[in-house]
C-alpha atoms as a PDB file:
ATOM      1  CA  MET A   1       2.614 -17.946 -56.568  1.00  0.00           C
ATOM      2  CA  PHE A   2      -0.556 -18.991 -55.521  1.00  0.00           C
ATOM      3  CA  GLU A   3       0.284 -18.106 -51.911  1.00  0.00           C
ATOM      4  CA  ASP A   4       1.010 -14.214 -52.968  1.00  0.00           C
ATOM      5  CA  ILE A   5      -2.073 -14.053 -54.701  1.00  0.00           C
ATOM      6  CA  TRP A   6      -4.187 -14.673 -51.449  1.00  0.00           C
ATOM      7  CA  LEU A   7      -2.319 -13.153 -49.216  1.00  0.00           C
ATOM      8  CA  LEU A   8      -2.979 -10.161 -51.576  1.00  0.00           C
ATOM      9  CA  ILE A   9      -6.356 -10.711 -51.233  1.00  0.00           C
ATOM     10  CA  ILE A  10      -6.588 -11.207 -47.615  1.00  0.00           C
ATOM     11  CA  ARG A  11      -4.437  -8.119 -47.404  1.00  0.00           C
ATOM     12  CA  THR A  12      -7.188  -5.776 -49.618  1.00  0.00           C
ATOM     13  CA  LEU A  13     -10.106  -7.322 -47.485  1.00  0.00           C
ATOM     14  CA  GLY A  14      -8.402  -6.307 -44.385  1.00  0.00           C
ATOM     15  CA  VAL A  15      -7.828  -2.246 -45.495  1.00  0.00           C
ATOM     16  CA  TYR A  16     -11.505  -2.465 -47.021  1.00  0.00           C
ATOM     17  CA  ILE A  17     -12.358  -3.283 -43.664  1.00  0.00           C
ATOM     18  CA  ALA A  18     -10.482  -0.861 -41.887  1.00  0.00           C
ATOM     19  CA  ILE A  19     -11.168   2.000 -43.898  1.00  0.00           C
ATOM     20  CA  PHE A  20     -14.775   0.996 -43.684  1.00  0.00           C
ATOM     21  CA  ILE A  21     -14.822   1.043 -39.702  1.00  0.00           C
ATOM     22  CA  VAL A  22     -12.470   4.567 -40.094  1.00  0.00           C
ATOM     23  CA  PHE A  23     -15.371   6.084 -42.134  1.00  0.00           C
ATOM     24  CA  ARG A  24     -18.237   5.160 -39.817  1.00  0.00           C
ATOM     25  CA  LEU A  25     -16.241   6.434 -37.152  1.00  0.00           C
ATOM     26  CA  MET A  26     -15.764   9.743 -38.751  1.00  0.00           C
ATOM     27  CA  GLY A  27     -19.576  10.414 -38.887  1.00  0.00           C
ATOM     28  CA  LYS A  28     -21.886  10.801 -42.070  1.00  0.00           C
ATOM     29  CA  ARG A  29     -21.322  13.875 -44.228  1.00  0.00           C
ATOM     30  CA  GLU A  30     -22.285  14.196 -48.174  1.00  0.00           C
ATOM     31  CA  ILE A  31     -19.176  14.473 -50.367  1.00  0.00           C
ATOM     32  CA  GLY A  32     -19.934  18.206 -51.077  1.00  0.00           C
ATOM     33  CA  GLU A  33     -20.209  19.177 -47.374  1.00  0.00           C
ATOM     34  CA  LEU A  34     -16.524  17.323 -46.847  1.00  0.00           C
ATOM     35  CA  SER A  35     -13.962  20.132 -44.850  1.00  0.00           C
ATOM     36  CA  VAL A  36     -10.326  20.480 -46.065  1.00  0.00           C
ATOM     37  CA  MET A  37      -9.433  18.473 -43.381  1.00  0.00           C
ATOM     38  CA  ASP A  38     -11.646  15.629 -44.152  1.00  0.00           C
ATOM     39  CA  LEU A  39     -10.278  15.579 -47.692  1.00  0.00           C
ATOM     40  CA  VAL A  40      -6.530  15.695 -46.792  1.00  0.00           C
ATOM     41  CA  VAL A  41      -7.830  12.489 -44.292  1.00  0.00           C
ATOM     42  CA  PHE A  42      -9.370  10.908 -46.829  1.00  0.00           C
ATOM     43  CA  ILE A  43      -6.438  11.568 -49.823  1.00  0.00           C
ATOM     44  CA  MET A  44      -4.088  10.127 -46.889  1.00  0.00           C
ATOM     45  CA  LEU A  45      -6.293   7.091 -46.308  1.00  0.00           C
ATOM     46  CA  ALA A  46      -6.282   6.140 -49.886  1.00  0.00           C
ATOM     47  CA  GLU A  47      -2.012   6.130 -50.235  1.00  0.00           C
ATOM     48  CA  ILE A  48      -1.759   4.519 -46.971  1.00  0.00           C
ATOM     49  CA  ALA A  49      -4.346   1.686 -48.240  1.00  0.00           C
ATOM     50  CA  ILE A  50      -2.327   1.246 -51.540  1.00  0.00           C
ATOM     51  CA  PHE A  51       0.976   1.142 -49.460  1.00  0.00           C
ATOM     52  CA  SER A  52      -0.555  -1.200 -47.171  1.00  0.00           C
ATOM     53  CA  ILE A  53      -1.465  -4.012 -49.638  1.00  0.00           C
ATOM     54  CA  GLU A  54       1.500  -3.736 -52.058  1.00  0.00           C
ATOM     55  CA  ASN A  55       4.085  -3.741 -49.138  1.00  0.00           C
ATOM     56  CA  THR A  56       3.646  -7.327 -48.174  1.00  0.00           C
ATOM     57  CA  GLU A  57       6.786  -7.683 -46.245  1.00  0.00           C
ATOM     58  CA  ASP A  58       5.850  -5.724 -43.522  1.00  0.00           C
ATOM     59  CA  SER A  59       3.131  -6.377 -41.092  1.00  0.00           C
ATOM     60  CA  PHE A  60      -0.466  -5.808 -41.904  1.00  0.00           C
ATOM     61  CA  PHE A  61      -1.381  -4.105 -38.617  1.00  0.00           C
ATOM     62  CA  LEU A  62       1.758  -2.000 -38.282  1.00  0.00           C
ATOM     63  CA  LEU A  63       0.733  -0.770 -41.578  1.00  0.00           C
ATOM     64  CA  LEU A  64      -2.733   0.174 -40.311  1.00  0.00           C
ATOM     65  CA  THR A  65      -1.552   2.191 -37.590  1.00  0.00           C
ATOM     66  CA  PRO A  66      -1.291   5.457 -39.510  1.00  0.00           C
ATOM     67  CA  MET A  67      -4.961   4.942 -40.125  1.00  0.00           C
ATOM     68  CA  LEU A  68      -5.848   4.940 -36.423  1.00  0.00           C
ATOM     69  CA  VAL A  69      -3.713   8.506 -35.934  1.00  0.00           C
ATOM     70  CA  LEU A  70      -5.325   9.839 -38.932  1.00  0.00           C
ATOM     71  CA  LEU A  71      -9.217   8.978 -37.126  1.00  0.00           C
ATOM     72  CA  VAL A  72      -7.598  10.245 -33.648  1.00  0.00           C
ATOM     73  CA  VAL A  73      -6.671  13.495 -35.564  1.00  0.00           C
ATOM     74  CA  GLN A  74     -10.234  14.011 -37.358  1.00  0.00           C
ATOM     75  CA  ARG A  75     -12.487  13.045 -34.463  1.00  0.00           C
ATOM     76  CA  PHE A  76     -10.184  15.620 -32.447  1.00  0.00           C
ATOM     77  CA  THR A  77     -10.629  18.099 -34.922  1.00  0.00           C
ATOM     78  CA  ALA A  78     -14.151  17.509 -35.268  1.00  0.00           C
ATOM     79  CA  PHE A  79     -14.566  17.590 -31.207  1.00  0.00           C
ATOM     80  CA  LEU A  80     -12.851  21.422 -31.474  1.00  0.00           C
ATOM     81  CA  SER A  81     -15.309  22.449 -34.255  1.00  0.00           C
ATOM     82  CA  LEU A  82     -18.531  21.706 -32.446  1.00  0.00           C
ATOM     83  CA  LYS A  83     -16.626  23.386 -29.411  1.00  0.00           C
ATOM     84  CA  SER A  84     -15.314  26.020 -30.893  1.00  0.00           C
ATOM     85  CA  ASN A  85     -16.437  28.778 -33.413  1.00  0.00           C
ATOM     86  CA  ARG A  86     -13.619  30.319 -34.207  1.00  0.00           C
ATOM     87  CA  PHE A  87     -11.627  26.982 -35.183  1.00  0.00           C
ATOM     88  CA  ARG A  88     -14.888  25.664 -37.257  1.00  0.00           C
ATOM     89  CA  GLU A  89     -14.139  29.018 -39.167  1.00  0.00           C
ATOM     90  CA  PHE A  90     -10.566  28.440 -39.462  1.00  0.00           C
ATOM     91  CA  LEU A  91     -10.957  24.697 -40.389  1.00  0.00           C
ATOM     92  CA  ASP A  92     -14.126  25.463 -43.243  1.00  0.00           C
ATOM     93  CA  GLY A  93     -13.980  29.003 -43.649  1.00  0.00           C
ATOM     94  CA  ARG A  94     -17.388  31.570 -43.805  1.00  0.00           C
ATOM     95  CA  PRO A  95     -20.068  31.508 -46.537  1.00  0.00           C
ATOM     96  CA  SER A  96     -19.509  34.559 -48.639  1.00  0.00           C
ATOM     97  CA  VAL A  97     -22.064  36.848 -50.290  1.00  0.00           C
ATOM     98  CA  ILE A  98     -21.620  36.875 -54.124  1.00  0.00           C
ATOM     99  CA  ILE A  99     -24.641  38.220 -55.187  1.00  0.00           C
ATOM    100  CA  ARG A 100     -26.628  41.329 -53.587  1.00  0.00           C
ATOM    101  CA  ASN A 101     -29.846  42.241 -55.745  1.00  0.00           C
ATOM    102  CA  GLY A 102     -28.860  41.613 -59.254  1.00  0.00           C
ATOM    103  CA  LYS A 103     -25.284  42.629 -58.482  1.00  0.00           C
ATOM    104  CA  ILE A 104     -21.583  40.938 -58.648  1.00  0.00           C
ATOM    105  CA  ASN A 105     -19.525  41.544 -55.486  1.00  0.00           C
ATOM    106  CA  GLU A 106     -16.080  40.684 -57.617  1.00  0.00           C
ATOM    107  CA  ARG A 107     -14.208  41.737 -54.773  1.00  0.00           C
ATOM    108  CA  GLU A 108     -15.373  38.927 -52.532  1.00  0.00           C
ATOM    109  CA  MET A 109     -15.382  36.708 -55.512  1.00  0.00           C
ATOM    110  CA  LYS A 110     -11.268  37.477 -55.867  1.00  0.00           C
ATOM    111  CA  ARG A 111     -10.937  36.821 -52.218  1.00  0.00           C
ATOM    112  CA  GLN A 112     -12.497  33.453 -52.490  1.00  0.00           C
ATOM    113  CA  ARG A 113     -10.649  32.812 -55.969  1.00  0.00           C
ATOM    114  CA  TYR A 114     -13.738  31.827 -57.230  1.00  0.00           C
ATOM    115  CA  ASN A 115     -14.090  32.957 -61.377  1.00  0.00           C
ATOM    116  CA  MET A 116     -16.966  33.992 -63.382  1.00  0.00           C
ATOM    117  CA  ASP A 117     -17.074  30.660 -65.474  1.00  0.00           C
ATOM    118  CA  ASP A 118     -17.944  28.956 -61.828  1.00  0.00           C
ATOM    119  CA  LEU A 119     -20.223  31.206 -61.369  1.00  0.00           C
ATOM    120  CA  LEU A 120     -22.233  31.033 -64.313  1.00  0.00           C
ATOM    121  CA  VAL A 121     -22.003  27.170 -63.943  1.00  0.00           C
ATOM    122  CA  GLN A 122     -23.235  26.572 -60.722  1.00  0.00           C
ATOM    123  CA  LEU A 123     -26.301  29.916 -61.477  1.00  0.00           C
ATOM    124  CA  ARG A 124     -27.593  27.649 -64.690  1.00  0.00           C
ATOM    125  CA  GLU A 125     -27.068  24.158 -62.328  1.00  0.00           C
ATOM    126  CA  ASN A 126     -29.929  26.427 -60.151  1.00  0.00           C
ATOM    127  CA  GLY A 127     -31.954  27.056 -63.233  1.00  0.00           C
ATOM    128  CA  ILE A 128     -30.928  30.981 -63.742  1.00  0.00           C
ATOM    129  CA  ILE A 129     -29.438  32.816 -66.588  1.00  0.00           C
ATOM    130  CA  ASP A 130     -30.073  36.316 -65.967  1.00  0.00           C
ATOM    131  CA  LEU A 131     -28.555  37.812 -63.147  1.00  0.00           C
ATOM    132  CA  ARG A 132     -31.448  40.337 -62.279  1.00  0.00           C
ATOM    133  CA  GLU A 133     -33.816  37.485 -61.203  1.00  0.00           C
ATOM    134  CA  ILE A 134     -31.024  36.894 -58.221  1.00  0.00           C
ATOM    135  CA  GLU A 135     -31.829  38.746 -54.618  1.00  0.00           C
ATOM    136  CA  LEU A 136     -28.921  36.849 -52.990  1.00  0.00           C
ATOM    137  CA  ALA A 137     -26.288  34.469 -53.806  1.00  0.00           C
ATOM    138  CA  ILE A 138     -24.279  33.004 -51.266  1.00  0.00           C
ATOM    139  CA  LEU A 139     -21.072  30.832 -51.517  1.00  0.00           C
ATOM    140  CA  GLU A 140     -20.834  27.932 -48.798  1.00  0.00           C
ATOM    141  CA  THR A 141     -18.458  26.802 -47.417  1.00  0.00           C
ATOM    142  CA  SER A 142     -18.927  23.373 -49.180  1.00  0.00           C
ATOM    143  CA  GLY A 143     -18.215  25.092 -52.233  1.00  0.00           C
ATOM    144  CA  LYS A 144     -21.824  25.206 -53.432  1.00  0.00           C
ATOM    145  CA  LEU A 145     -23.705  28.303 -54.390  1.00  0.00           C
ATOM    146  CA  SER A 146     -27.204  29.176 -52.805  1.00  0.00           C
ATOM    147  CA  VAL A 147     -29.458  31.040 -54.696  1.00  0.00           C
ATOM    148  CA  PHE A 148     -32.490  33.062 -53.783  1.00  0.00           C
ATOM    149  CA  GLU A 149     -34.468  34.432 -56.562  1.00  0.00           C
ATOM    150  CA  LYS A 150     -36.586  37.367 -56.169  1.00  0.00           C
ATOM    151  CA  LYS A 151     -40.212  38.024 -54.745  1.00  0.00           C
ATOM    152  CA  ASP A 152     -42.430  40.339 -54.336  1.00  0.00           C
ATOM    153  CA  HIS A 153     -41.680  40.129 -51.175  1.00  0.00           C
ATOM    154  CA  PRO A 154     -37.765  39.822 -51.363  1.00  0.00           C
ATOM    155  CA  PRO A 155     -36.177  37.574 -48.660  1.00  0.00           C
ATOM    156  CA  SER A 156     -34.627  39.347 -45.369  1.00  0.00           C
ATOM    157  CA  ILE A 157     -31.008  38.475 -45.196  1.00  0.00           C
ATOM    158  CA  ILE A 158     -30.894  36.667 -41.524  1.00  0.00           C
ATOM    159  CA  GLU A 159     -27.093  36.502 -40.201  1.00  0.00           C
ATOM    160  CA  PRO A 160     -26.313  33.787 -37.013  1.00  0.00           C
ATOM    161  CA  VAL A 161     -25.935  36.490 -33.974  1.00  0.00           C
ATOM    162  CA  ILE A 162     -25.377  33.815 -31.238  1.00  0.00           C
ATOM    163  CA  ILE A 163     -23.967  30.243 -32.201  1.00  0.00           C
ATOM    164  CA  ASP A 164     -22.962  27.431 -29.247  1.00  0.00           C
ATOM    165  CA  GLY A 165     -23.502  29.962 -26.536  1.00  0.00           C
ATOM    166  CA  GLU A 166     -20.807  32.431 -28.135  1.00  0.00           C
ATOM    167  CA  ILE A 167     -21.971  36.312 -29.526  1.00  0.00           C
ATOM    168  CA  GLN A 168     -20.891  36.725 -33.146  1.00  0.00           C
ATOM    169  CA  GLN A 169     -19.115  40.181 -33.220  1.00  0.00           C
ATOM    170  CA  ARG A 170     -19.618  40.223 -36.567  1.00  0.00           C
ATOM    171  CA  THR A 171     -23.441  40.069 -36.612  1.00  0.00           C
ATOM    172  CA  LEU A 172     -23.383  43.138 -34.197  1.00  0.00           C
ATOM    173  CA  GLU A 173     -21.220  45.099 -35.932  1.00  0.00           C
ATOM    174  CA  LYS A 174     -22.922  44.444 -39.037  1.00  0.00           C
ATOM    175  CA  TYR A 175     -26.376  45.602 -37.620  1.00  0.00           C
ATOM    176  CA  ASN A 176     -24.690  48.600 -35.211  1.00  0.00           C
ATOM    177  CA  LEU A 177     -25.703  46.856 -32.263  1.00  0.00           C
ATOM    178  CA  THR A 178     -24.008  46.896 -28.956  1.00  0.00           C
ATOM    179  CA  LYS A 179     -23.788  43.771 -26.653  1.00  0.00           C
ATOM    180  CA  GLU A 180     -25.928  45.405 -24.215  1.00  0.00           C
ATOM    181  CA  GLU A 181     -28.531  46.109 -26.531  1.00  0.00           C
ATOM    182  CA  LEU A 182     -28.751  42.438 -27.323  1.00  0.00           C
ATOM    183  CA  ILE A 183     -28.615  41.258 -23.747  1.00  0.00           C
ATOM    184  CA  LYS A 184     -32.222  43.613 -23.547  1.00  0.00           C
ATOM    185  CA  MET A 185     -33.003  42.010 -26.669  1.00  0.00           C
ATOM    186  CA  PHE A 186     -33.050  38.246 -25.268  1.00  0.00           C
ATOM    187  CA  GLU A 187     -34.140  39.356 -22.024  1.00  0.00           C
ATOM    188  CA  SER A 188     -37.274  40.731 -23.873  1.00  0.00           C
ATOM    189  CA  ARG A 189     -37.682  36.921 -24.946  1.00  0.00           C
ATOM    190  CA  GLY A 190     -36.911  35.401 -21.783  1.00  0.00           C
ATOM    191  CA  VAL A 191     -33.465  34.507 -22.253  1.00  0.00           C
ATOM    192  CA  HIS A 192     -30.862  35.520 -19.490  1.00  0.00           C
ATOM    193  CA  ASP A 193     -28.256  33.152 -20.147  1.00  0.00           C
ATOM    194  CA  PHE A 194     -26.661  32.988 -23.537  1.00  0.00           C
ATOM    195  CA  LYS A 195     -24.985  29.620 -22.869  1.00  0.00           C
ATOM    196  CA  GLN A 196     -28.605  28.092 -23.333  1.00  0.00           C
ATOM    197  CA  ILE A 197     -28.551  28.959 -26.721  1.00  0.00           C
ATOM    198  CA  SER A 198     -27.566  26.699 -29.395  1.00  0.00           C
ATOM    199  CA  LEU A 199     -28.783  29.331 -32.548  1.00  0.00           C
ATOM    200  CA  ALA A 200     -29.586  32.517 -32.683  1.00  0.00           C
ATOM    201  CA  GLN A 201     -30.530  34.340 -36.070  1.00  0.00           C
ATOM    202  CA  LEU A 202     -31.153  37.650 -36.687  1.00  0.00           C
ATOM    203  CA  ASN A 203     -32.640  39.334 -39.477  1.00  0.00           C
ATOM    204  CA  ASP A 204     -32.813  43.004 -40.972  1.00  0.00           C
ATOM    205  CA  ASP A 205     -35.719  43.492 -39.160  1.00  0.00           C
ATOM    206  CA  HIS A 206     -33.869  42.558 -36.014  1.00  0.00           C
ATOM    207  CA  GLN A 207     -36.358  39.963 -35.479  1.00  0.00           C
ATOM    208  CA  LEU A 208     -34.949  36.729 -33.203  1.00  0.00           C
ATOM    209  CA  PHE A 209     -35.172  33.451 -33.647  1.00  0.00           C
ATOM    210  CA  ILE A 210     -33.882  31.272 -30.696  1.00  0.00           C
ATOM    211  CA  ASP A 211     -33.351  27.681 -30.719  1.00  0.00           C
ATOM    212  CA  ILE A 212     -32.570  26.778 -26.858  1.00  0.00           C
ATOM    213  CA  LYS A 213     -29.836  23.615 -26.042  1.00  0.00           C
ATOM    214  CA  ASN A 214     -31.841  20.514 -25.352  1.00  0.00           C
END
């Protein structure tokens, strides 16, 4: 009996150390910023941990193999997300404008399966109970609602026009810009190669914010 207890204690500590190492290697992210892929990995890790502790007949290191596989999968998808904006959108989705100038976009809420109760709860969490006070409310990919209140000078809506050197076609279409017009805008700022750009944003007045890669 005591041998079984000690074996259980040792395997529990082993699983704890293994999961701690896996989480550290996966990188630092807040719970609210976890992607769907991250959540799937975490749930599977929890199941594997329980199975590894309870199944004392099999080799402990053999049972840890699935953890290593999940770590490799998560690191690989994270690498692809850094390199490809399309893959990142496929995994995480895109932010959605839920309220603009005090008016709710019910169609976008339906598309995101985001109900009115969820909206009202998150507005109250932001200290807002009157929709007329809202200039813009954006549902982030993490599920968090970012709310911007109306001011004497309303905030200009800013869209990413280049991410990691790639032109965002949706932004060009939104502002009725062609690629040639965009190139001229950047050339006027002394930028001739989009691959040098980490992030470029454009507002309603066609003003550019440019961050060059290190």
